[in-house]
PDB file of N, CA and C in Angstrom:
ATOM      1  N   MET A   1      34.524  13.173 -48.642  1.00  0.00           N
ATOM      2  CA  MET A   1      35.089  11.974 -48.436  1.00  0.00           C
ATOM      3  C   MET A   1      35.279  11.596 -46.929  1.00  0.00           C
ATOM      4  N   TYR A   2      36.052  12.546 -46.212  1.00  0.00           N
ATOM      5  CA  TYR A   2      36.284  12.563 -44.763  1.00  0.00           C
ATOM      6  C   TYR A   2      35.071  12.555 -43.899  1.00  0.00           C
ATOM      7  N   PHE A   3      34.148  13.325 -44.429  1.00  0.00           N
ATOM      8  CA  PHE A   3      32.740  13.487 -43.667  1.00  0.00           C
ATOM      9  C   PHE A   3      32.234  11.892 -43.685  1.00  0.00           C
ATOM     10  N   PHE A   4      32.397  11.119 -44.523  1.00  0.00           N
ATOM     11  CA  PHE A   4      31.749   9.728 -44.328  1.00  0.00           C
ATOM     12  C   PHE A   4      32.679   8.879 -43.295  1.00  0.00           C
ATOM     13  N   LEU A   5      34.024   9.155 -43.376  1.00  0.00           N
ATOM     14  CA  LEU A   5      34.854   8.442 -42.610  1.00  0.00           C
ATOM     15  C   LEU A   5      34.538   8.780 -41.116  1.00  0.00           C
ATOM     16  N   TYR A   6      34.219  10.140 -40.936  1.00  0.00           N
ATOM     17  CA  TYR A   6      33.913  10.596 -39.505  1.00  0.00           C
ATOM     18  C   TYR A   6      32.586   9.829 -38.955  1.00  0.00           C
ATOM     19  N   ILE A   7      31.671   9.923 -39.933  1.00  0.00           N
ATOM     20  CA  ILE A   7      30.480   9.246 -39.568  1.00  0.00           C
ATOM     21  C   ILE A   7      30.622   7.858 -39.395  1.00  0.00           C
ATOM     22  N   LEU A   8      31.336   7.107 -39.993  1.00  0.00           N
ATOM     23  CA  LEU A   8      31.587   5.781 -39.805  1.00  0.00           C
ATOM     24  C   LEU A   8      32.195   5.457 -38.333  1.00  0.00           C
ATOM     25  N   ILE A   9      33.304   6.300 -38.069  1.00  0.00           N
ATOM     26  CA  ILE A   9      33.886   5.940 -36.935  1.00  0.00           C
ATOM     27  C   ILE A   9      33.120   6.280 -35.677  1.00  0.00           C
ATOM     28  N   ALA A  10      32.252   7.581 -35.764  1.00  0.00           N
ATOM     29  CA  ALA A  10      31.174   7.748 -34.669  1.00  0.00           C
ATOM     30  C   ALA A  10      30.125   6.780 -34.625  1.00  0.00           C
ATOM     31  N   ALA A  11      29.738   6.013 -35.702  1.00  0.00           N
ATOM     32  CA  ALA A  11      28.764   5.189 -35.551  1.00  0.00           C
ATOM     33  C   ALA A  11      29.402   3.830 -34.813  1.00  0.00           C
ATOM     34  N   LEU A  12      30.620   3.535 -35.273  1.00  0.00           N
ATOM     35  CA  LEU A  12      31.284   2.476 -34.564  1.00  0.00           C
ATOM     36  C   LEU A  12      31.484   2.559 -33.161  1.00  0.00           C
ATOM     37  N   GLY A  13      32.210   3.985 -32.838  1.00  0.00           N
ATOM     38  CA  GLY A  13      32.167   4.207 -31.346  1.00  0.00           C
ATOM     39  C   GLY A  13      30.905   4.040 -30.569  1.00  0.00           C
ATOM     40  N   ILE A  14      29.870   4.531 -31.222  1.00  0.00           N
ATOM     41  CA  ILE A  14      28.555   4.489 -30.397  1.00  0.00           C
ATOM     42  C   ILE A  14      27.981   3.042 -30.111  1.00  0.00           C
ATOM     43  N   GLY A  15      28.211   2.295 -31.301  1.00  0.00           N
ATOM     44  CA  GLY A  15      27.744   0.908 -31.337  1.00  0.00           C
ATOM     45  C   GLY A  15      28.566   0.083 -30.145  1.00  0.00           C
ATOM     46  N   LEU A  16      29.865   0.327 -30.333  1.00  0.00           N
ATOM     47  CA  LEU A  16      30.678  -0.456 -29.363  1.00  0.00           C
ATOM     48  C   LEU A  16      30.453   0.095 -27.778  1.00  0.00           C
ATOM     49  N   GLY A  17      30.130   1.198 -27.727  1.00  0.00           N
ATOM     50  CA  GLY A  17      29.743   1.781 -26.385  1.00  0.00           C
ATOM     51  C   GLY A  17      28.508   1.079 -25.703  1.00  0.00           C
ATOM     52  N   MET A  18      27.677   1.111 -26.669  1.00  0.00           N
ATOM     53  CA  MET A  18      26.342   0.463 -26.282  1.00  0.00           C
ATOM     54  C   MET A  18      26.514  -0.958 -26.140  1.00  0.00           C
ATOM     55  N   TYR A  19      27.254  -1.685 -26.880  1.00  0.00           N
ATOM     56  CA  TYR A  19      27.492  -3.203 -26.699  1.00  0.00           C
ATOM     57  C   TYR A  19      28.239  -3.310 -25.527  1.00  0.00           C
ATOM     58  N   LEU A  20      29.294  -2.585 -24.934  1.00  0.00           N
ATOM     59  CA  LEU A  20      29.943  -2.815 -23.892  1.00  0.00           C
ATOM     60  C   LEU A  20      29.494  -2.292 -22.596  1.00  0.00           C
ATOM     61  N   ALA A  21      28.351  -1.346 -22.626  1.00  0.00           N
ATOM     62  CA  ALA A  21      27.899  -0.666 -21.470  1.00  0.00           C
ATOM     63  C   ALA A  21      27.137  -1.838 -20.634  1.00  0.00           C
ATOM     64  N   PRO A  22      27.242  -1.664 -19.339  1.00  0.00           N
ATOM     65  CA  PRO A  22      26.614  -2.556 -18.362  1.00  0.00           C
ATOM     66  C   PRO A  22      24.994  -2.678 -18.541  1.00  0.00           C
ATOM     67  N   LYS A  23      24.553  -3.772 -18.586  1.00  0.00           N
ATOM     68  CA  LYS A  23      23.029  -4.048 -18.697  1.00  0.00           C
ATOM     69  C   LYS A  23      22.280  -4.057 -17.386  1.00  0.00           C
ATOM     70  N   GLY A  24      20.960  -3.695 -17.381  1.00  0.00           N
ATOM     71  CA  GLY A  24      20.125  -3.735 -16.270  1.00  0.00           C
ATOM     72  C   GLY A  24      20.354  -2.864 -15.156  1.00  0.00           C
ATOM     73  N   GLY A  25      20.963  -1.751 -15.521  1.00  0.00           N
ATOM     74  CA  GLY A  25      20.926  -0.824 -14.334  1.00  0.00           C
ATOM     75  C   GLY A  25      21.884  -1.175 -13.175  1.00  0.00           C
ATOM     76  N   THR A  26      23.097  -1.506 -13.396  1.00  0.00           N
ATOM     77  CA  THR A  26      24.141  -2.012 -12.419  1.00  0.00           C
ATOM     78  C   THR A  26      24.312  -0.960 -11.461  1.00  0.00           C
ATOM     79  N   PHE A  27      24.565   0.299 -11.935  1.00  0.00           N
ATOM     80  CA  PHE A  27      24.719   1.287 -10.860  1.00  0.00           C
ATOM     81  C   PHE A  27      23.635   1.529  -9.805  1.00  0.00           C
ATOM     82  N   LEU A  28      22.441   1.471 -10.182  1.00  0.00           N
ATOM     83  CA  LEU A  28      21.283   1.551  -9.207  1.00  0.00           C
ATOM     84  C   LEU A  28      21.125   0.263  -8.382  1.00  0.00           C
ATOM     85  N   ASN A  29      21.592  -0.818  -8.894  1.00  0.00           N
ATOM     86  CA  ASN A  29      21.431  -2.094  -7.973  1.00  0.00           C
ATOM     87  C   ASN A  29      22.638  -2.011  -7.072  1.00  0.00           C
ATOM     88  N   THR A  30      23.671  -1.529  -7.392  1.00  0.00           N
ATOM     89  CA  THR A  30      24.664  -1.378  -6.473  1.00  0.00           C
ATOM     90  C   THR A  30      24.442  -0.371  -5.201  1.00  0.00           C
ATOM     91  N   GLN A  31      23.680   0.817  -5.630  1.00  0.00           N
ATOM     92  CA  GLN A  31      23.334   1.707  -4.776  1.00  0.00           C
ATOM     93  C   GLN A  31      22.305   1.104  -3.673  1.00  0.00           C
ATOM     94  N   SER A  32      21.437   0.236  -4.328  1.00  0.00           N
ATOM     95  CA  SER A  32      20.391  -0.277  -3.560  1.00  0.00           C
ATOM     96  C   SER A  32      20.923  -1.271  -2.467  1.00  0.00           C
ATOM     97  N   LEU A  33      21.969  -2.022  -2.767  1.00  0.00           N
ATOM     98  CA  LEU A  33      22.587  -3.077  -2.243  1.00  0.00           C
ATOM     99  C   LEU A  33      23.281  -2.411  -1.024  1.00  0.00           C
ATOM    100  N   THR A  34      24.064  -1.305  -1.327  1.00  0.00           N
ATOM    101  CA  THR A  34      24.765  -0.561  -0.173  1.00  0.00           C
ATOM    102  C   THR A  34      23.872  -0.061   0.749  1.00  0.00           C
ATOM    103  N   LYS A  35      22.820   0.548   0.137  1.00  0.00           N
ATOM    104  CA  LYS A  35      21.841   1.171   1.209  1.00  0.00           C
ATOM    105  C   LYS A  35      21.203   0.015   2.143  1.00  0.00           C
ATOM    106  N   ASN A  36      20.832  -0.949   1.638  1.00  0.00           N
ATOM    107  CA  ASN A  36      20.251  -2.219   2.469  1.00  0.00           C
ATOM    108  C   ASN A  36      21.473  -2.559   3.338  1.00  0.00           C
ATOM    109  N   LYS A  37      22.626  -2.640   3.057  1.00  0.00           N
ATOM    110  CA  LYS A  37      23.686  -2.957   3.866  1.00  0.00           C
ATOM    111  C   LYS A  37      23.790  -2.109   5.144  1.00  0.00           C
ATOM    112  N   ARG A  38      23.695  -0.886   4.883  1.00  0.00           N
ATOM    113  CA  ARG A  38      23.968   0.177   5.798  1.00  0.00           C
ATOM    114  C   ARG A  38      22.771   0.070   6.737  1.00  0.00           C
ATOM    115  N   LYS A  39      21.557  -0.111   6.271  1.00  0.00           N
ATOM    116  CA  LYS A  39      20.495  -0.306   7.155  1.00  0.00           C
ATOM    117  C   LYS A  39      20.648  -1.390   8.073  1.00  0.00           C
ATOM    118  N   ARG A  40      21.138  -2.479   7.725  1.00  0.00           N
ATOM    119  CA  ARG A  40      21.242  -3.751   8.503  1.00  0.00           C
ATOM    120  C   ARG A  40      22.442  -3.459   9.446  1.00  0.00           C
ATOM    121  N   GLN A  41      23.290  -2.590   9.163  1.00  0.00           N
ATOM    122  CA  GLN A  41      24.386  -2.238  10.176  1.00  0.00           C
ATOM    123  C   GLN A  41      23.827  -1.499  11.201  1.00  0.00           C
ATOM    124  N   ILE A  42      22.827  -0.606  10.842  1.00  0.00           N
ATOM    125  CA  ILE A  42      22.316   0.194  12.004  1.00  0.00           C
ATOM    126  C   ILE A  42      21.474  -0.615  12.799  1.00  0.00           C
ATOM    127  N   LEU A  43      20.739  -1.502  12.100  1.00  0.00           N
ATOM    128  CA  LEU A  43      19.883  -2.434  13.034  1.00  0.00           C
ATOM    129  C   LEU A  43      20.819  -3.464  14.025  1.00  0.00           C
ATOM    130  N   THR A  44      22.048  -3.670  13.592  1.00  0.00           N
ATOM    131  CA  THR A  44      22.838  -4.384  14.637  1.00  0.00           C
ATOM    132  C   THR A  44      23.355  -3.710  15.701  1.00  0.00           C
ATOM    133  N   LEU A  45      23.127  -2.222  15.706  1.00  0.00           N
ATOM    134  CA  LEU A  45      23.425  -1.456  17.010  1.00  0.00           C
ATOM    135  C   LEU A  45      22.661  -1.864  18.022  1.00  0.00           C
ATOM    136  N   PHE A  46      21.416  -2.370  17.876  1.00  0.00           N
ATOM    137  CA  PHE A  46      20.259  -2.694  18.735  1.00  0.00           C
ATOM    138  C   PHE A  46      20.682  -3.890  19.314  1.00  0.00           C
ATOM    139  N   ILE A  47      21.685  -4.783  18.938  1.00  0.00           N
ATOM    140  CA  ILE A  47      22.242  -6.019  19.669  1.00  0.00           C
ATOM    141  C   ILE A  47      22.722  -5.739  20.836  1.00  0.00           C
ATOM    142  N   ASP A  48      23.554  -4.516  20.812  1.00  0.00           N
ATOM    143  CA  ASP A  48      24.402  -4.254  22.177  1.00  0.00           C
ATOM    144  C   ASP A  48      23.610  -3.215  22.947  1.00  0.00           C
ATOM    145  N   GLN A  49      22.704  -2.228  22.371  1.00  0.00           N
ATOM    146  CA  GLN A  49      22.403  -1.299  23.094  1.00  0.00           C
ATOM    147  C   GLN A  49      20.678  -1.129  22.793  1.00  0.00           C
ATOM    148  N   GLU A  50      19.847  -0.724  23.729  1.00  0.00           N
ATOM    149  CA  GLU A  50      18.385  -0.750  23.521  1.00  0.00           C
ATOM    150  C   GLU A  50      17.989   0.579  22.792  1.00  0.00           C
ATOM    151  N   GLU A  51      18.782   1.602  22.970  1.00  0.00           N
ATOM    152  CA  GLU A  51      18.603   2.796  22.153  1.00  0.00           C
ATOM    153  C   GLU A  51      19.785   3.419  21.376  1.00  0.00           C
ATOM    154  N   ILE A  52      19.401   4.021  20.199  1.00  0.00           N
ATOM    155  CA  ILE A  52      20.541   4.626  19.538  1.00  0.00           C
ATOM    156  C   ILE A  52      20.169   6.068  19.084  1.00  0.00           C
ATOM    157  N   THR A  53      21.209   6.596  18.731  1.00  0.00           N
ATOM    158  CA  THR A  53      21.077   8.192  18.365  1.00  0.00           C
ATOM    159  C   THR A  53      21.481   8.405  16.964  1.00  0.00           C
ATOM    160  N   ASN A  54      21.198   9.531  16.466  1.00  0.00           N
ATOM    161  CA  ASN A  54      21.741   9.977  15.118  1.00  0.00           C
ATOM    162  C   ASN A  54      23.194   9.961  15.006  1.00  0.00           C
ATOM    163  N   ASN A  55      23.863  10.380  16.375  1.00  0.00           N
ATOM    164  CA  ASN A  55      25.129  10.482  16.303  1.00  0.00           C
ATOM    165  C   ASN A  55      25.893   9.071  16.278  1.00  0.00           C
ATOM    166  N   ASP A  56      25.118   7.892  16.828  1.00  0.00           N
ATOM    167  CA  ASP A  56      25.547   6.584  16.843  1.00  0.00           C
ATOM    168  C   ASP A  56      25.590   6.218  15.212  1.00  0.00           C
ATOM    169  N   VAL A  57      24.684   6.419  14.523  1.00  0.00           N
ATOM    170  CA  VAL A  57      24.536   5.981  13.066  1.00  0.00           C
ATOM    171  C   VAL A  57      25.610   6.805  12.387  1.00  0.00           C
ATOM    172  N   GLU A  58      25.769   8.040  12.488  1.00  0.00           N
ATOM    173  CA  GLU A  58      26.941   8.847  11.783  1.00  0.00           C
ATOM    174  C   GLU A  58      28.440   8.151  12.161  1.00  0.00           C
ATOM    175  N   SER A  59      28.580   7.793  13.560  1.00  0.00           N
ATOM    176  CA  SER A  59      29.950   7.426  13.794  1.00  0.00           C
ATOM    177  C   SER A  59      30.142   5.836  13.202  1.00  0.00           C
ATOM    178  N   LEU A  60      29.184   5.080  13.205  1.00  0.00           N
ATOM    179  CA  LEU A  60      29.222   3.825  12.834  1.00  0.00           C
ATOM    180  C   LEU A  60      29.352   3.792  11.172  1.00  0.00           C
ATOM    181  N   LEU A  61      28.692   4.608  10.489  1.00  0.00           N
ATOM    182  CA  LEU A  61      28.782   4.591   9.101  1.00  0.00           C
ATOM    183  C   LEU A  61      29.746   5.569   8.416  1.00  0.00           C
ATOM    184  N   LYS A  62      30.128   6.430   9.245  1.00  0.00           N
ATOM    185  CA  LYS A  62      31.018   7.689   8.849  1.00  0.00           C
ATOM    186  C   LYS A  62      30.402   8.461   7.755  1.00  0.00           C
ATOM    187  N   VAL A  63      29.117   9.013   8.090  1.00  0.00           N
ATOM    188  CA  VAL A  63      28.277   9.659   7.095  1.00  0.00           C
ATOM    189  C   VAL A  63      27.911  10.931   7.748  1.00  0.00           C
ATOM    190  N   SER A  64      27.388  11.959   7.039  1.00  0.00           N
ATOM    191  CA  SER A  64      26.893  13.120   7.572  1.00  0.00           C
ATOM    192  C   SER A  64      25.567  13.062   8.374  1.00  0.00           C
ATOM    193  N   ASP A  65      25.196  14.197   9.138  1.00  0.00           N
ATOM    194  CA  ASP A  65      24.009  14.063   9.979  1.00  0.00           C
ATOM    195  C   ASP A  65      22.718  13.822   9.095  1.00  0.00           C
ATOM    196  N   ALA A  66      22.690  14.416   7.973  1.00  0.00           N
ATOM    197  CA  ALA A  66      21.718  14.490   7.053  1.00  0.00           C
ATOM    198  C   ALA A  66      21.508  12.802   6.477  1.00  0.00           C
ATOM    199  N   THR A  67      22.535  12.379   6.136  1.00  0.00           N
ATOM    200  CA  THR A  67      22.415  11.031   5.739  1.00  0.00           C
ATOM    201  C   THR A  67      22.120  10.122   6.828  1.00  0.00           C
ATOM    202  N   ALA A  68      22.463  10.101   7.872  1.00  0.00           N
ATOM    203  CA  ALA A  68      22.119   9.399   9.126  1.00  0.00           C
ATOM    204  C   ALA A  68      20.551   9.461   9.443  1.00  0.00           C
ATOM    205  N   THR A  69      20.097  10.634   9.302  1.00  0.00           N
ATOM    206  CA  THR A  69      18.657  11.045   9.547  1.00  0.00           C
ATOM    207  C   THR A  69      17.980  10.376   8.424  1.00  0.00           C
ATOM    208  N   ARG A  70      18.380  10.373   7.269  1.00  0.00           N
ATOM    209  CA  ARG A  70      17.607   9.773   6.070  1.00  0.00           C
ATOM    210  C   ARG A  70      17.680   8.281   6.293  1.00  0.00           C
ATOM    211  N   TYR A  71      18.576   7.654   6.607  1.00  0.00           N
ATOM    212  CA  TYR A  71      18.572   6.130   7.008  1.00  0.00           C
ATOM    213  C   TYR A  71      17.612   5.690   8.079  1.00  0.00           C
ATOM    214  N   LEU A  72      17.700   6.661   9.341  1.00  0.00           N
ATOM    215  CA  LEU A  72      16.726   6.319  10.187  1.00  0.00           C
ATOM    216  C   LEU A  72      15.385   6.651   9.929  1.00  0.00           C
ATOM    217  N   ASP A  73      14.968   7.735   9.106  1.00  0.00           N
ATOM    218  CA  ASP A  73      13.475   7.906   8.612  1.00  0.00           C
ATOM    219  C   ASP A  73      13.120   6.687   7.881  1.00  0.00           C
ATOM    220  N   GLU A  74      14.005   6.146   7.027  1.00  0.00           N
ATOM    221  CA  GLU A  74      13.683   5.055   6.066  1.00  0.00           C
ATOM    222  C   GLU A  74      13.274   3.805   7.019  1.00  0.00           C
ATOM    223  N   LEU A  75      13.969   3.536   7.914  1.00  0.00           N
ATOM    224  CA  LEU A  75      13.938   2.358   8.834  1.00  0.00           C
ATOM    225  C   LEU A  75      12.558   2.744   9.720  1.00  0.00           C
ATOM    226  N   GLU A  76      12.115   3.867  10.052  1.00  0.00           N
ATOM    227  CA  GLU A  76      11.244   4.023  10.758  1.00  0.00           C
ATOM    228  C   GLU A  76       9.810   4.027  10.003  1.00  0.00           C
ATOM    229  N   LYS A  77       9.892   4.360   8.678  1.00  0.00           N
ATOM    230  CA  LYS A  77       8.719   4.153   7.726  1.00  0.00           C
ATOM    231  C   LYS A  77       8.422   2.588   7.370  1.00  0.00           C
ATOM    232  N   GLU A  78       9.718   1.967   7.420  1.00  0.00           N
ATOM    233  CA  GLU A  78       9.440   0.479   7.326  1.00  0.00           C
ATOM    234  C   GLU A  78       8.984  -0.109   8.526  1.00  0.00           C
ATOM    235  N   GLY A  79       8.936   0.450   9.472  1.00  0.00           N
ATOM    236  CA  GLY A  79       8.306   0.000  10.867  1.00  0.00           C
ATOM    237  C   GLY A  79       9.357  -0.899  11.625  1.00  0.00           C
ATOM    238  N   ARG A  80      10.728  -0.752  11.398  1.00  0.00           N
ATOM    239  CA  ARG A  80      11.657  -1.491  12.078  1.00  0.00           C
ATOM    240  C   ARG A  80      12.110  -0.895  13.148  1.00  0.00           C
ATOM    241  N   ILE A  81      12.043   0.391  13.460  1.00  0.00           N
ATOM    242  CA  ILE A  81      12.437   1.321  14.505  1.00  0.00           C
ATOM    243  C   ILE A  81      11.507   2.309  14.835  1.00  0.00           C
ATOM    244  N   GLN A  82      11.428   2.747  16.045  1.00  0.00           N
ATOM    245  CA  GLN A  82      10.557   3.902  16.458  1.00  0.00           C
ATOM    246  C   GLN A  82      11.331   5.121  17.056  1.00  0.00           C
ATOM    247  N   GLN A  83      11.013   6.335  16.549  1.00  0.00           N
ATOM    248  CA  GLN A  83      11.652   7.446  17.156  1.00  0.00           C
ATOM    249  C   GLN A  83      10.944   7.805  18.429  1.00  0.00           C
ATOM    250  N   ILE A  84      11.629   8.034  19.436  1.00  0.00           N
ATOM    251  CA  ILE A  84      11.256   8.730  20.751  1.00  0.00           C
ATOM    252  C   ILE A  84      11.915  10.066  20.871  1.00  0.00           C
ATOM    253  N   GLY A  85      10.899  10.902  21.125  1.00  0.00           N
ATOM    254  CA  GLY A  85      11.284  12.418  21.197  1.00  0.00           C
ATOM    255  C   GLY A  85      10.800  13.048  19.822  1.00  0.00           C
ATOM    256  N   THR A  86      10.838  14.249  19.797  1.00  0.00           N
ATOM    257  CA  THR A  86      10.703  15.048  18.621  1.00  0.00           C
ATOM    258  C   THR A  86      11.723  15.767  17.926  1.00  0.00           C
ATOM    259  N   LYS A  87      12.440  16.436  18.753  1.00  0.00           N
ATOM    260  CA  LYS A  87      13.692  17.237  18.236  1.00  0.00           C
ATOM    261  C   LYS A  87      14.754  17.368  19.241  1.00  0.00           C
ATOM    262  N   GLY A  88      15.822  17.490  18.510  1.00  0.00           N
ATOM    263  CA  GLY A  88      17.202  17.892  19.200  1.00  0.00           C
ATOM    264  C   GLY A  88      17.815  16.862  19.960  1.00  0.00           C
ATOM    265  N   ARG A  89      18.726  16.971  20.975  1.00  0.00           N
ATOM    266  CA  ARG A  89      19.573  15.859  21.524  1.00  0.00           C
ATOM    267  C   ARG A  89      18.645  15.004  22.213  1.00  0.00           C
ATOM    268  N   SER A  90      17.628  15.186  22.407  1.00  0.00           N
ATOM    269  CA  SER A  90      16.665  14.135  23.375  1.00  0.00           C
ATOM    270  C   SER A  90      16.123  13.184  22.500  1.00  0.00           C
ATOM    271  N   VAL A  91      16.244  13.202  21.023  1.00  0.00           N
ATOM    272  CA  VAL A  91      15.668  12.212  20.354  1.00  0.00           C
ATOM    273  C   VAL A  91      16.410  10.865  20.147  1.00  0.00           C
ATOM    274  N   TYR A  92      15.852   9.806  20.285  1.00  0.00           N
ATOM    275  CA  TYR A  92      16.612   8.488  20.233  1.00  0.00           C
ATOM    276  C   TYR A  92      15.727   7.498  19.591  1.00  0.00           C
ATOM    277  N   TYR A  93      16.301   6.347  19.274  1.00  0.00           N
ATOM    278  CA  TYR A  93      15.432   5.424  18.521  1.00  0.00           C
ATOM    279  C   TYR A  93      15.556   4.017  19.155  1.00  0.00           C
ATOM    280  N   VAL A  94      14.422   3.254  19.137  1.00  0.00           N
ATOM    281  CA  VAL A  94      14.233   1.883  19.620  1.00  0.00           C
ATOM    282  C   VAL A  94      13.884   1.021  18.735  1.00  0.00           C
ATOM    283  N   ALA A  95      14.148  -0.165  18.655  1.00  0.00           N
ATOM    284  CA  ALA A  95      13.944  -1.320  17.672  1.00  0.00           C
ATOM    285  C   ALA A  95      12.525  -1.682  18.080  1.00  0.00           C
ATOM    286  N   THR A  96      11.673  -1.890  16.914  1.00  0.00           N
ATOM    287  CA  THR A  96      10.309  -2.404  17.130  1.00  0.00           C
ATOM    288  C   THR A  96      10.254  -3.920  17.029  1.00  0.00           C
ATOM    289  N   GLU A  97      11.359  -4.450  16.435  1.00  0.00           N
ATOM    290  CA  GLU A  97      11.357  -5.880  16.340  1.00  0.00           C
ATOM    291  C   GLU A  97      12.563  -6.491  16.945  1.00  0.00           C
ATOM    292  N   PRO A  98      12.627  -7.759  17.450  1.00  0.00           N
ATOM    293  CA  PRO A  98      13.764  -8.266  18.244  1.00  0.00           C
ATOM    294  C   PRO A  98      14.874  -8.432  17.286  1.00  0.00           C
ATOM    295  N   GLN A  99      16.098  -7.977  17.660  1.00  0.00           N
ATOM    296  CA  GLN A  99      17.273  -8.161  16.928  1.00  0.00           C
ATOM    297  C   GLN A  99      18.003  -9.485  17.279  1.00  0.00           C
ATOM    298  N   ASN A 100      18.333 -10.279  16.348  1.00  0.00           N
ATOM    299  CA  ASN A 100      19.022 -11.603  16.704  1.00  0.00           C
ATOM    300  C   ASN A 100      20.500 -11.314  16.800  1.00  0.00           C
ATOM    301  N   SER A 101      21.100 -12.017  17.905  1.00  0.00           N
ATOM    302  CA  SER A 101      22.426 -11.643  18.212  1.00  0.00           C
ATOM    303  C   SER A 101      23.381 -12.784  17.525  1.00  0.00           C
TER     304      SER A 101
END
């Protein structure tokens, strides 16, 4: 008797959870919006300065070195910035498209 009661409660819980769960991958959409916002913030650095560094991005976004590098790499692959230099402290980035002020 109790077995069926447990099954019924579990089924109701699962059904209610599925009904109330966010639809359409809300978490992934939020991540994508945050990433795009941060990339726009990086591009706004070019309004005031012609060259930016990884450290500039770290300071602006309050992120780690690896995260700043990842954002810069994505912007470079999109063709929006260009890396000058290959390694170390001499590396900086320039915009490949004009930035609106």
